[in-house]
Amino acid sequence: MQSGREKAYAYLKESVLTDPAMQDRFLSEQEIADRIGVSRTPIREALLLLAAEDLVRLVPKRGAHIAPLSGREIGELMEMRGLIERFAAQCTTERGTAPVEEMAGILDRQEALRGEAGAQEFLAADHHFHATLVAAVGNTLMSRQHDALRSRQTRAGVRAHYRSGHRHDEVLAEHRKILDGLAADDAAAACAAIDSHLQATRRSLLAA
């Protein structure tokens, strides 16, 4: 059973931080406490954890602020993802362990998610697509590091997804190219497709 702090942390990270309407706003501890049925103490504890992860900024006498990602942060995020995902592509193609069928199934589900109502699900599937490749390496620490990037990616990604009507189809096409490279056991093609996808993602996030 989840503690109040765990419940508050999960709710803030998965629902509040990924809501485009909450970007650049201060959070009301009491409002969040009322919404999920806990006291303000676990809300504060959860916000301290999120502040330690640089996901919110605690401002004296004002509370927790969800600051938009800066251009530098977006660039660093894409660099980190590129390092991890290219390694995963090289490693799994060399071993013949690329999870092609599983990733194809995720992509099929992602294609069915359209419109604003499916934006957060689309981005969750996006993360699952990439995380599945990284997990296939079998390095738990690497998978944890990659997963830790998810909240920052999702915060910026939801906003970009709402503002760009064509990005949905572009992402699917870019994912398909990554999958084609993996299916062919062609590490160079898979890595090139990953680079192209992350560069396009970076441009989309910066334009949002």
N, C-alpha and C. Protein backbone atom coordinates (compact mmCIF):
# COMPACT_ATOMS: atom_id res chain seq x y z
N MET A 1 0.84 -1.20 0.00
CA MET A 1 0.00 0.00 0.00
C MET A 1 0.88 1.26 0.00
N GLN A 2 0.53 2.22 -0.84
CA GLN A 2 1.31 3.45 -0.94
C GLN A 2 1.13 4.33 0.29
N SER A 3 2.22 4.96 0.73
CA SER A 3 2.13 5.96 1.78
C SER A 3 1.57 7.24 1.18
N GLY A 4 1.20 8.18 2.04
CA GLY A 4 0.70 9.46 1.55
C GLY A 4 1.73 10.18 0.70
N ARG A 5 2.98 10.11 1.12
CA ARG A 5 4.05 10.78 0.35
C ARG A 5 4.22 10.12 -1.02
N GLU A 6 4.19 8.80 -1.06
CA GLU A 6 4.34 8.09 -2.33
C GLU A 6 3.17 8.40 -3.27
N LYS A 7 1.98 8.46 -2.70
CA LYS A 7 0.79 8.77 -3.50
C LYS A 7 0.89 10.18 -4.07
N ALA A 8 1.31 11.12 -3.21
CA ALA A 8 1.45 12.52 -3.64
C ALA A 8 2.55 12.65 -4.70
N TYR A 9 3.67 11.97 -4.49
CA TYR A 9 4.79 12.03 -5.43
C TYR A 9 4.37 11.51 -6.80
N ALA A 10 3.70 10.35 -6.81
CA ALA A 10 3.27 9.76 -8.09
C ALA A 10 2.27 10.67 -8.79
N TYR A 11 1.33 11.23 -8.04
CA TYR A 11 0.32 12.09 -8.65
C TYR A 11 0.96 13.35 -9.24
N LEU A 12 1.83 13.99 -8.47
CA LEU A 12 2.48 15.21 -8.94
C LEU A 12 3.33 14.93 -10.18
N LYS A 13 4.07 13.85 -10.14
CA LYS A 13 5.02 13.56 -11.23
C LYS A 13 4.30 13.13 -12.50
N GLU A 14 3.26 12.30 -12.36
CA GLU A 14 2.60 11.73 -13.53
C GLU A 14 1.45 12.58 -14.07
N SER A 15 0.81 13.36 -13.20
CA SER A 15 -0.38 14.10 -13.63
C SER A 15 -0.18 15.62 -13.65
N VAL A 16 0.40 16.16 -12.60
CA VAL A 16 0.51 17.62 -12.50
C VAL A 16 1.66 18.15 -13.35
N LEU A 17 2.84 17.56 -13.23
CA LEU A 17 3.99 18.07 -13.97
C LEU A 17 3.85 17.89 -15.47
N THR A 18 3.01 16.96 -15.89
CA THR A 18 2.84 16.71 -17.33
C THR A 18 1.63 17.44 -17.91
N ASP A 19 0.95 18.22 -17.10
CA ASP A 19 -0.21 18.99 -17.57
C ASP A 19 0.28 20.30 -18.17
N PRO A 20 0.07 20.52 -19.48
CA PRO A 20 0.56 21.75 -20.10
C PRO A 20 -0.02 23.01 -19.47
N ALA A 21 -1.22 22.91 -18.87
CA ALA A 21 -1.83 24.08 -18.23
C ALA A 21 -1.12 24.48 -16.95
N MET A 22 -0.30 23.58 -16.40
CA MET A 22 0.37 23.84 -15.13
C MET A 22 1.78 24.41 -15.31
N GLN A 23 2.25 24.46 -16.54
CA GLN A 23 3.60 24.97 -16.78
C GLN A 23 3.69 26.45 -16.40
N ASP A 24 4.79 26.81 -15.74
CA ASP A 24 5.06 28.18 -15.31
C ASP A 24 4.06 28.66 -14.25
N ARG A 25 3.52 27.73 -13.47
CA ARG A 25 2.58 28.09 -12.41
C ARG A 25 3.08 27.62 -11.05
N PHE A 26 2.54 28.25 -9.99
CA PHE A 26 2.81 27.81 -8.63
C PHE A 26 1.74 26.82 -8.21
N LEU A 27 2.13 25.81 -7.45
CA LEU A 27 1.21 24.77 -7.00
C LEU A 27 0.58 25.13 -5.67
N SER A 28 -0.68 24.79 -5.52
CA SER A 28 -1.39 24.96 -4.25
C SER A 28 -1.34 23.63 -3.50
N GLU A 29 -0.63 23.61 -2.37
CA GLU A 29 -0.53 22.38 -1.59
C GLU A 29 -1.91 21.91 -1.14
N GLN A 30 -2.75 22.85 -0.70
CA GLN A 30 -4.06 22.46 -0.19
C GLN A 30 -4.95 21.90 -1.30
N GLU A 31 -4.88 22.51 -2.46
CA GLU A 31 -5.70 22.03 -3.58
C GLU A 31 -5.32 20.61 -3.98
N ILE A 32 -4.00 20.35 -4.02
CA ILE A 32 -3.53 19.01 -4.38
C ILE A 32 -3.89 18.01 -3.29
N ALA A 33 -3.74 18.42 -2.02
CA ALA A 33 -4.09 17.55 -0.90
C ALA A 33 -5.56 17.16 -0.95
N ASP A 34 -6.42 18.14 -1.23
CA ASP A 34 -7.86 17.86 -1.33
C ASP A 34 -8.17 16.93 -2.50
N ARG A 35 -7.45 17.10 -3.57
CA ARG A 35 -7.73 16.34 -4.79
C ARG A 35 -7.42 14.85 -4.62
N ILE A 36 -6.34 14.54 -3.89
CA ILE A 36 -5.95 13.12 -3.77
C ILE A 36 -6.23 12.55 -2.39
N GLY A 37 -6.79 13.36 -1.49
CA GLY A 37 -7.23 12.85 -0.20
C GLY A 37 -6.14 12.56 0.80
N VAL A 38 -5.15 13.46 0.87
CA VAL A 38 -4.10 13.34 1.90
C VAL A 38 -3.94 14.69 2.57
N SER A 39 -3.15 14.74 3.65
CA SER A 39 -2.88 16.01 4.31
C SER A 39 -1.81 16.77 3.55
N ARG A 40 -1.54 17.99 3.98
CA ARG A 40 -0.53 18.80 3.29
C ARG A 40 0.89 18.31 3.56
N THR A 41 1.10 17.60 4.67
CA THR A 41 2.45 17.15 5.02
C THR A 41 3.06 16.24 3.95
N PRO A 42 2.37 15.20 3.50
CA PRO A 42 2.96 14.38 2.43
C PRO A 42 3.12 15.13 1.11
N ILE A 43 2.28 16.14 0.89
CA ILE A 43 2.44 16.97 -0.31
C ILE A 43 3.77 17.71 -0.23
N ARG A 44 4.05 18.30 0.91
CA ARG A 44 5.32 19.01 1.09
C ARG A 44 6.51 18.06 0.93
N GLU A 45 6.39 16.87 1.51
CA GLU A 45 7.48 15.89 1.40
C GLU A 45 7.72 15.50 -0.05
N ALA A 46 6.63 15.30 -0.78
CA ALA A 46 6.75 14.94 -2.19
C ALA A 46 7.38 16.08 -3.00
N LEU A 47 7.01 17.31 -2.67
CA LEU A 47 7.58 18.46 -3.38
C LEU A 47 9.07 18.60 -3.10
N LEU A 48 9.50 18.26 -1.89
CA LEU A 48 10.93 18.28 -1.57
C LEU A 48 11.69 17.26 -2.42
N LEU A 49 11.08 16.10 -2.62
CA LEU A 49 11.71 15.08 -3.48
C LEU A 49 11.80 15.57 -4.92
N LEU A 50 10.74 16.19 -5.40
CA LEU A 50 10.74 16.69 -6.77
C LEU A 50 11.72 17.84 -6.95
N ALA A 51 11.85 18.66 -5.92
CA ALA A 51 12.83 19.76 -5.98
C ALA A 51 14.25 19.21 -6.04
N ALA A 52 14.50 18.11 -5.32
CA ALA A 52 15.82 17.48 -5.35
C ALA A 52 16.14 16.93 -6.73
N GLU A 53 15.10 16.60 -7.50
CA GLU A 53 15.28 16.11 -8.87
C GLU A 53 15.25 17.24 -9.89
N ASP A 54 15.16 18.49 -9.40
CA ASP A 54 15.09 19.68 -10.26
C ASP A 54 13.85 19.69 -11.14
N LEU A 55 12.76 19.09 -10.66
CA LEU A 55 11.52 19.08 -11.42
C LEU A 55 10.58 20.21 -11.01
N VAL A 56 10.76 20.73 -9.80
CA VAL A 56 10.06 21.95 -9.36
C VAL A 56 11.07 22.83 -8.66
N ARG A 57 10.73 24.10 -8.53
CA ARG A 57 11.60 25.06 -7.83
C ARG A 57 10.84 25.59 -6.62
N LEU A 58 11.40 25.45 -5.43
CA LEU A 58 10.75 25.92 -4.22
C LEU A 58 11.13 27.38 -3.97
N VAL A 59 10.13 28.24 -3.97
CA VAL A 59 10.34 29.68 -3.80
C VAL A 59 9.82 30.10 -2.43
N PRO A 60 10.67 30.67 -1.57
CA PRO A 60 10.23 31.09 -0.23
C PRO A 60 8.98 31.97 -0.29
N LYS A 61 8.01 31.66 0.55
CA LYS A 61 6.76 32.40 0.72
C LYS A 61 5.80 32.30 -0.48
N ARG A 62 6.21 31.56 -1.51
CA ARG A 62 5.35 31.41 -2.68
C ARG A 62 5.01 29.96 -2.99
N GLY A 63 5.90 29.06 -2.65
CA GLY A 63 5.63 27.65 -2.86
C GLY A 63 6.42 27.03 -4.00
N ALA A 64 5.88 25.95 -4.55
CA ALA A 64 6.57 25.19 -5.60
C ALA A 64 6.16 25.71 -6.97
N HIS A 65 7.15 26.00 -7.78
CA HIS A 65 6.93 26.55 -9.11
C HIS A 65 7.37 25.53 -10.16
N ILE A 66 6.52 25.31 -11.16
CA ILE A 66 6.87 24.43 -12.28
C ILE A 66 7.47 25.30 -13.37
N ALA A 67 8.77 25.37 -13.41
CA ALA A 67 9.45 26.22 -14.38
C ALA A 67 9.58 25.51 -15.72
N PRO A 68 9.29 26.20 -16.83
CA PRO A 68 9.47 25.59 -18.15
C PRO A 68 10.93 25.21 -18.36
N LEU A 69 11.17 24.17 -19.13
CA LEU A 69 12.54 23.77 -19.42
C LEU A 69 13.22 24.83 -20.28
N SER A 70 14.46 25.12 -19.95
CA SER A 70 15.24 26.08 -20.74
C SER A 70 15.78 25.38 -21.98
N GLY A 71 16.24 26.18 -22.93
CA GLY A 71 16.85 25.61 -24.13
C GLY A 71 18.06 24.77 -23.79
N ARG A 72 18.84 25.21 -22.81
CA ARG A 72 20.01 24.44 -22.39
C ARG A 72 19.60 23.08 -21.82
N GLU A 73 18.56 23.07 -20.98
CA GLU A 73 18.10 21.81 -20.39
C GLU A 73 17.59 20.85 -21.45
N ILE A 74 16.87 21.38 -22.44
CA ILE A 74 16.37 20.53 -23.52
C ILE A 74 17.53 19.94 -24.31
N GLY A 75 18.55 20.76 -24.60
CA GLY A 75 19.72 20.27 -25.32
C GLY A 75 20.45 19.17 -24.55
N GLU A 76 20.63 19.38 -23.25
CA GLU A 76 21.31 18.39 -22.41
C GLU A 76 20.50 17.09 -22.33
N LEU A 77 19.20 17.23 -22.26
CA LEU A 77 18.32 16.06 -22.21
C LEU A 77 18.48 15.21 -23.46
N MET A 78 18.49 15.87 -24.62
CA MET A 78 18.63 15.13 -25.88
C MET A 78 20.02 14.48 -25.99
N GLU A 79 21.05 15.15 -25.49
CA GLU A 79 22.40 14.58 -25.51
C GLU A 79 22.46 13.31 -24.68
N MET A 80 21.88 13.36 -23.48
CA MET A 80 21.87 12.19 -22.60
C MET A 80 21.10 11.04 -23.22
N ARG A 81 19.94 11.34 -23.77
CA ARG A 81 19.15 10.29 -24.41
C ARG A 81 19.93 9.68 -25.58
N GLY A 82 20.58 10.54 -26.36
CA GLY A 82 21.33 10.04 -27.51
C GLY A 82 22.43 9.07 -27.09
N LEU A 83 23.18 9.42 -26.06
CA LEU A 83 24.26 8.55 -25.59
C LEU A 83 23.73 7.17 -25.20
N ILE A 84 22.64 7.17 -24.44
CA ILE A 84 22.10 5.90 -23.94
C ILE A 84 21.45 5.09 -25.05
N GLU A 85 20.65 5.75 -25.88
CA GLU A 85 19.89 5.00 -26.88
C GLU A 85 20.75 4.51 -28.03
N ARG A 86 21.77 5.29 -28.41
CA ARG A 86 22.69 4.80 -29.44
C ARG A 86 23.45 3.57 -28.95
N PHE A 87 23.89 3.62 -27.70
CA PHE A 87 24.59 2.46 -27.13
C PHE A 87 23.68 1.25 -27.12
N ALA A 88 22.42 1.47 -26.74
CA ALA A 88 21.47 0.36 -26.71
C ALA A 88 21.26 -0.25 -28.09
N ALA A 89 21.18 0.60 -29.10
CA ALA A 89 21.00 0.11 -30.48
C ALA A 89 22.22 -0.69 -30.93
N GLN A 90 23.42 -0.17 -30.64
CA GLN A 90 24.65 -0.86 -31.03
C GLN A 90 24.78 -2.20 -30.31
N CYS A 91 24.51 -2.17 -29.02
CA CYS A 91 24.66 -3.37 -28.21
C CYS A 91 23.68 -4.47 -28.62
N THR A 92 22.42 -4.11 -28.79
CA THR A 92 21.41 -5.13 -29.10
C THR A 92 21.51 -5.66 -30.52
N THR A 93 21.94 -4.82 -31.46
CA THR A 93 22.11 -5.34 -32.83
C THR A 93 23.31 -6.28 -32.90
N GLU A 94 24.37 -5.97 -32.16
CA GLU A 94 25.54 -6.85 -32.14
C GLU A 94 25.20 -8.21 -31.53
N ARG A 95 24.36 -8.18 -30.50
CA ARG A 95 23.98 -9.43 -29.83
C ARG A 95 22.81 -10.14 -30.50
N GLY A 96 22.11 -9.43 -31.38
CA GLY A 96 20.91 -10.01 -31.99
C GLY A 96 19.75 -10.07 -31.01
N THR A 97 19.73 -9.13 -30.07
CA THR A 97 18.70 -9.15 -29.02
C THR A 97 17.79 -7.92 -29.07
N ALA A 98 17.80 -7.19 -30.17
CA ALA A 98 16.93 -6.01 -30.27
C ALA A 98 15.48 -6.46 -30.15
N PRO A 99 14.68 -5.83 -29.27
CA PRO A 99 13.29 -6.25 -29.03
C PRO A 99 12.34 -5.75 -30.11
N VAL A 100 12.57 -6.19 -31.33
CA VAL A 100 11.86 -5.65 -32.48
C VAL A 100 10.35 -5.89 -32.39
N GLU A 101 9.94 -7.11 -32.07
CA GLU A 101 8.51 -7.41 -32.03
C GLU A 101 7.79 -6.60 -30.95
N GLU A 102 8.41 -6.49 -29.78
CA GLU A 102 7.79 -5.73 -28.70
C GLU A 102 7.67 -4.25 -29.06
N MET A 103 8.74 -3.69 -29.66
CA MET A 103 8.72 -2.29 -30.05
C MET A 103 7.70 -2.05 -31.16
N ALA A 104 7.55 -3.02 -32.07
CA ALA A 104 6.57 -2.89 -33.15
C ALA A 104 5.15 -2.86 -32.57
N GLY A 105 4.90 -3.67 -31.55
CA GLY A 105 3.59 -3.67 -30.91
C GLY A 105 3.29 -2.35 -30.23
N ILE A 106 4.30 -1.76 -29.59
CA ILE A 106 4.13 -0.45 -28.96
C ILE A 106 3.83 0.60 -30.02
N LEU A 107 4.54 0.54 -31.13
CA LEU A 107 4.34 1.50 -32.20
C LEU A 107 2.93 1.39 -32.78
N ASP A 108 2.45 0.17 -32.92
CA ASP A 108 1.08 -0.03 -33.42
C ASP A 108 0.07 0.64 -32.48
N ARG A 109 0.26 0.48 -31.18
CA ARG A 109 -0.65 1.10 -30.21
C ARG A 109 -0.53 2.62 -30.25
N GLN A 110 0.68 3.10 -30.44
CA GLN A 110 0.91 4.55 -30.48
C GLN A 110 0.22 5.18 -31.68
N GLU A 111 0.17 4.47 -32.79
CA GLU A 111 -0.46 5.00 -33.99
C GLU A 111 -1.95 5.26 -33.80
N ALA A 112 -2.57 4.55 -32.86
CA ALA A 112 -4.01 4.70 -32.63
C ALA A 112 -4.34 5.87 -31.71
N LEU A 113 -3.32 6.49 -31.12
CA LEU A 113 -3.55 7.58 -30.16
C LEU A 113 -3.45 8.91 -30.86
N ARG A 114 -4.59 9.53 -31.08
CA ARG A 114 -4.61 10.80 -31.81
C ARG A 114 -5.43 11.85 -31.06
N GLY A 115 -5.11 13.11 -31.33
CA GLY A 115 -5.86 14.21 -30.73
C GLY A 115 -5.38 14.55 -29.34
N GLU A 116 -5.91 15.64 -28.79
CA GLU A 116 -5.50 16.13 -27.48
C GLU A 116 -5.81 15.12 -26.38
N ALA A 117 -6.91 14.39 -26.52
CA ALA A 117 -7.32 13.44 -25.49
C ALA A 117 -6.28 12.34 -25.29
N GLY A 118 -5.54 12.02 -26.36
CA GLY A 118 -4.55 10.95 -26.26
C GLY A 118 -3.12 11.43 -26.13
N ALA A 119 -2.93 12.73 -25.89
CA ALA A 119 -1.57 13.29 -25.89
C ALA A 119 -0.68 12.65 -24.83
N GLN A 120 -1.17 12.55 -23.61
CA GLN A 120 -0.33 11.99 -22.54
C GLN A 120 -0.10 10.50 -22.76
N GLU A 121 -1.10 9.78 -23.25
CA GLU A 121 -0.92 8.36 -23.55
C GLU A 121 0.08 8.18 -24.69
N PHE A 122 0.01 9.07 -25.67
CA PHE A 122 0.95 9.01 -26.80
C PHE A 122 2.37 9.16 -26.30
N LEU A 123 2.59 10.10 -25.40
CA LEU A 123 3.94 10.33 -24.88
C LEU A 123 4.38 9.21 -23.95
N ALA A 124 3.44 8.60 -23.23
CA ALA A 124 3.79 7.45 -22.41
C ALA A 124 4.23 6.29 -23.29
N ALA A 125 3.53 6.09 -24.42
CA ALA A 125 3.91 5.04 -25.37
C ALA A 125 5.26 5.37 -26.01
N ASP A 126 5.50 6.67 -26.25
CA ASP A 126 6.78 7.11 -26.81
C ASP A 126 7.92 6.69 -25.89
N HIS A 127 7.75 6.98 -24.60
CA HIS A 127 8.79 6.61 -23.63
C HIS A 127 8.95 5.09 -23.58
N HIS A 128 7.84 4.37 -23.61
CA HIS A 128 7.88 2.90 -23.54
C HIS A 128 8.64 2.33 -24.74
N PHE A 129 8.45 2.93 -25.90
CA PHE A 129 9.14 2.48 -27.12
C PHE A 129 10.66 2.54 -26.92
N HIS A 130 11.13 3.69 -26.46
CA HIS A 130 12.57 3.87 -26.27
C HIS A 130 13.09 3.08 -25.07
N ALA A 131 12.30 3.06 -23.99
CA ALA A 131 12.74 2.36 -22.78
C ALA A 131 12.86 0.87 -23.02
N THR A 132 12.04 0.33 -23.90
CA THR A 132 12.10 -1.10 -24.21
C THR A 132 13.42 -1.45 -24.88
N LEU A 133 13.90 -0.57 -25.75
CA LEU A 133 15.20 -0.78 -26.38
C LEU A 133 16.32 -0.73 -25.34
N VAL A 134 16.27 0.26 -24.47
CA VAL A 134 17.31 0.41 -23.45
C VAL A 134 17.29 -0.78 -22.48
N ALA A 135 16.11 -1.23 -22.10
CA ALA A 135 16.00 -2.36 -21.17
C ALA A 135 16.60 -3.64 -21.75
N ALA A 136 16.57 -3.76 -23.07
CA ALA A 136 17.09 -4.97 -23.72
C ALA A 136 18.60 -5.13 -23.56
N VAL A 137 19.28 -4.05 -23.19
CA VAL A 137 20.73 -4.13 -22.92
C VAL A 137 20.98 -4.99 -21.68
N GLY A 138 20.06 -4.92 -20.71
CA GLY A 138 20.22 -5.68 -19.48
C GLY A 138 21.02 -4.97 -18.42
N ASN A 139 21.21 -3.67 -18.56
CA ASN A 139 21.95 -2.86 -17.60
C ASN A 139 20.93 -2.07 -16.76
N THR A 140 20.70 -2.52 -15.53
CA THR A 140 19.68 -1.91 -14.68
C THR A 140 19.96 -0.45 -14.40
N LEU A 141 21.22 -0.12 -14.13
CA LEU A 141 21.58 1.26 -13.82
C LEU A 141 21.30 2.17 -15.02
N MET A 142 21.60 1.69 -16.21
CA MET A 142 21.35 2.46 -17.42
C MET A 142 19.85 2.69 -17.62
N SER A 143 19.08 1.65 -17.38
CA SER A 143 17.63 1.77 -17.53
C SER A 143 17.06 2.78 -16.53
N ARG A 144 17.57 2.76 -15.31
CA ARG A 144 17.10 3.71 -14.31
C ARG A 144 17.45 5.15 -14.70
N GLN A 145 18.65 5.34 -15.22
CA GLN A 145 19.07 6.68 -15.64
C GLN A 145 18.20 7.17 -16.80
N HIS A 146 17.91 6.30 -17.73
CA HIS A 146 17.07 6.66 -18.86
C HIS A 146 15.66 6.99 -18.40
N ASP A 147 15.15 6.21 -17.46
CA ASP A 147 13.80 6.44 -16.95
C ASP A 147 13.72 7.77 -16.20
N ALA A 148 14.82 8.15 -15.55
CA ALA A 148 14.84 9.41 -14.79
C ALA A 148 14.70 10.62 -15.71
N LEU A 149 15.00 10.45 -16.98
CA LEU A 149 14.85 11.54 -17.94
C LEU A 149 13.40 11.72 -18.37
N ARG A 150 12.55 10.75 -18.05
CA ARG A 150 11.19 10.73 -18.57
C ARG A 150 10.38 11.95 -18.16
N SER A 151 10.45 12.34 -16.89
CA SER A 151 9.61 13.45 -16.43
C SER A 151 9.93 14.75 -17.15
N ARG A 152 11.22 15.01 -17.34
CA ARG A 152 11.60 16.22 -18.07
C ARG A 152 11.12 16.15 -19.52
N GLN A 153 11.31 14.99 -20.13
CA GLN A 153 10.87 14.81 -21.51
C GLN A 153 9.36 15.00 -21.63
N THR A 154 8.62 14.40 -20.70
CA THR A 154 7.17 14.47 -20.76
C THR A 154 6.67 15.88 -20.52
N ARG A 155 7.28 16.60 -19.57
CA ARG A 155 6.87 17.98 -19.30
C ARG A 155 6.93 18.82 -20.55
N ALA A 156 8.04 18.74 -21.25
CA ALA A 156 8.20 19.54 -22.45
C ALA A 156 7.43 18.94 -23.62
N GLY A 157 7.36 17.61 -23.66
CA GLY A 157 6.74 16.94 -24.79
C GLY A 157 5.25 17.14 -24.91
N VAL A 158 4.54 17.16 -23.78
CA VAL A 158 3.10 17.38 -23.83
C VAL A 158 2.80 18.74 -24.43
N ARG A 159 3.55 19.75 -24.02
CA ARG A 159 3.34 21.10 -24.53
C ARG A 159 3.57 21.15 -26.04
N ALA A 160 4.65 20.51 -26.48
CA ALA A 160 4.96 20.50 -27.92
C ALA A 160 3.90 19.74 -28.69
N HIS A 161 3.43 18.64 -28.12
CA HIS A 161 2.42 17.82 -28.80
C HIS A 161 1.12 18.59 -28.99
N TYR A 162 0.73 19.37 -27.99
CA TYR A 162 -0.49 20.16 -28.09
C TYR A 162 -0.38 21.25 -29.14
N ARG A 163 0.82 21.83 -29.27
CA ARG A 163 0.98 22.98 -30.16
C ARG A 163 1.30 22.61 -31.60
N SER A 164 1.77 21.39 -31.80
CA SER A 164 2.18 21.00 -33.15
C SER A 164 1.27 19.89 -33.67
N GLY A 165 0.43 20.23 -34.62
CA GLY A 165 -0.51 19.25 -35.13
C GLY A 165 0.13 18.16 -35.97
N HIS A 166 1.29 18.44 -36.55
CA HIS A 166 1.91 17.47 -37.45
C HIS A 166 2.96 16.61 -36.77
N ARG A 167 3.34 16.91 -35.54
CA ARG A 167 4.43 16.19 -34.88
C ARG A 167 4.08 14.72 -34.64
N HIS A 168 2.80 14.46 -34.43
CA HIS A 168 2.35 13.09 -34.19
C HIS A 168 2.81 12.15 -35.30
N ASP A 169 2.50 12.48 -36.53
CA ASP A 169 2.86 11.63 -37.67
C ASP A 169 4.36 11.58 -37.89
N GLU A 170 5.05 12.69 -37.61
CA GLU A 170 6.50 12.70 -37.76
C GLU A 170 7.16 11.73 -36.77
N VAL A 171 6.68 11.74 -35.53
CA VAL A 171 7.24 10.84 -34.52
C VAL A 171 7.07 9.38 -34.94
N LEU A 172 5.89 9.06 -35.43
CA LEU A 172 5.63 7.68 -35.85
C LEU A 172 6.57 7.26 -36.99
N ALA A 173 6.78 8.16 -37.95
CA ALA A 173 7.67 7.85 -39.06
C ALA A 173 9.12 7.69 -38.58
N GLU A 174 9.52 8.53 -37.65
CA GLU A 174 10.88 8.45 -37.09
C GLU A 174 11.07 7.17 -36.29
N HIS A 175 10.05 6.78 -35.54
CA HIS A 175 10.12 5.52 -34.80
C HIS A 175 10.21 4.34 -35.76
N ARG A 176 9.48 4.42 -36.85
CA ARG A 176 9.50 3.32 -37.83
C ARG A 176 10.90 3.15 -38.41
N LYS A 177 11.61 4.24 -38.65
CA LYS A 177 12.97 4.15 -39.19
C LYS A 177 13.93 3.52 -38.17
N ILE A 178 13.75 3.86 -36.90
CA ILE A 178 14.57 3.24 -35.85
C ILE A 178 14.33 1.73 -35.85
N LEU A 179 13.06 1.37 -35.91
CA LEU A 179 12.67 -0.04 -35.88
C LEU A 179 13.21 -0.79 -37.10
N ASP A 180 13.17 -0.15 -38.26
CA ASP A 180 13.68 -0.78 -39.48
C ASP A 180 15.17 -1.08 -39.34
N GLY A 181 15.93 -0.14 -38.77
CA GLY A 181 17.36 -0.37 -38.58
C GLY A 181 17.63 -1.52 -37.63
N LEU A 182 16.87 -1.59 -36.55
CA LEU A 182 17.04 -2.67 -35.58
C LEU A 182 16.66 -4.01 -36.19
N ALA A 183 15.56 -4.04 -36.95
CA ALA A 183 15.10 -5.28 -37.56
C ALA A 183 16.12 -5.83 -38.55
N ALA A 184 16.87 -4.93 -39.19
CA ALA A 184 17.88 -5.33 -40.16
C ALA A 184 19.23 -5.62 -39.50
N ASP A 185 19.29 -5.52 -38.17
CA ASP A 185 20.55 -5.66 -37.43
C ASP A 185 21.61 -4.69 -37.96
N ASP A 186 21.13 -3.50 -38.35
CA ASP A 186 22.01 -2.47 -38.91
C ASP A 186 22.18 -1.36 -37.85
N ALA A 187 23.24 -1.48 -37.06
CA ALA A 187 23.45 -0.54 -35.97
C ALA A 187 23.61 0.89 -36.48
N ALA A 188 24.34 1.05 -37.59
CA ALA A 188 24.57 2.40 -38.12
C ALA A 188 23.26 3.06 -38.53
N ALA A 189 22.39 2.30 -39.19
CA ALA A 189 21.11 2.86 -39.62
C ALA A 189 20.23 3.18 -38.42
N ALA A 190 20.22 2.30 -37.42
CA ALA A 190 19.41 2.53 -36.22
C ALA A 190 19.90 3.76 -35.47
N CYS A 191 21.22 3.91 -35.34
CA CYS A 191 21.79 5.06 -34.63
C CYS A 191 21.52 6.35 -35.38
N ALA A 192 21.63 6.30 -36.71
CA ALA A 192 21.34 7.49 -37.52
C ALA A 192 19.88 7.90 -37.36
N ALA A 193 18.99 6.91 -37.31
CA ALA A 193 17.56 7.20 -37.13
C ALA A 193 17.29 7.76 -35.75
N ILE A 194 17.99 7.26 -34.73
CA ILE A 194 17.85 7.79 -33.37
C ILE A 194 18.30 9.24 -33.33
N ASP A 195 19.46 9.53 -33.94
CA ASP A 195 19.97 10.90 -33.98
C ASP A 195 18.99 11.84 -34.67
N SER A 196 18.46 11.41 -35.81
CA SER A 196 17.52 12.24 -36.56
C SER A 196 16.25 12.50 -35.74
N HIS A 197 15.77 11.46 -35.05
CA HIS A 197 14.57 11.58 -34.23
C HIS A 197 14.79 12.56 -33.07
N LEU A 198 15.93 12.44 -32.40
CA LEU A 198 16.20 13.32 -31.25
C LEU A 198 16.43 14.77 -31.69
N GLN A 199 17.05 14.95 -32.85
CA GLN A 199 17.23 16.31 -33.37
C GLN A 199 15.88 16.95 -33.69
N ALA A 200 14.98 16.19 -34.30
CA ALA A 200 13.65 16.70 -34.61
C ALA A 200 12.87 16.98 -33.34
N THR A 201 13.02 16.11 -32.35
CA THR A 201 12.35 16.31 -31.06
C THR A 201 12.85 17.58 -30.38
N ARG A 202 14.15 17.79 -30.45
CA ARG A 202 14.75 18.99 -29.84
C ARG A 202 14.19 20.24 -30.50
N ARG A 203 14.10 20.24 -31.83
CA ARG A 203 13.56 21.42 -32.53
C ARG A 203 12.11 21.65 -32.13
N SER A 204 11.34 20.59 -32.02
CA SER A 204 9.93 20.71 -31.65
C SER A 204 9.78 21.26 -30.24
N LEU A 205 10.60 20.79 -29.32
CA LEU A 205 10.51 21.25 -27.93
C LEU A 205 10.91 22.72 -27.81
N LEU A 206 11.93 23.11 -28.55
CA LEU A 206 12.39 24.50 -28.50
C LEU A 206 11.37 25.46 -29.10
N ALA A 207 10.59 24.95 -30.05
CA ALA A 207 9.60 25.80 -30.72
C ALA A 207 8.30 25.91 -29.92
N ALA A 208 8.13 25.02 -28.93
CA ALA A 208 6.86 24.99 -28.16
C ALA A 208 6.72 26.17 -27.23
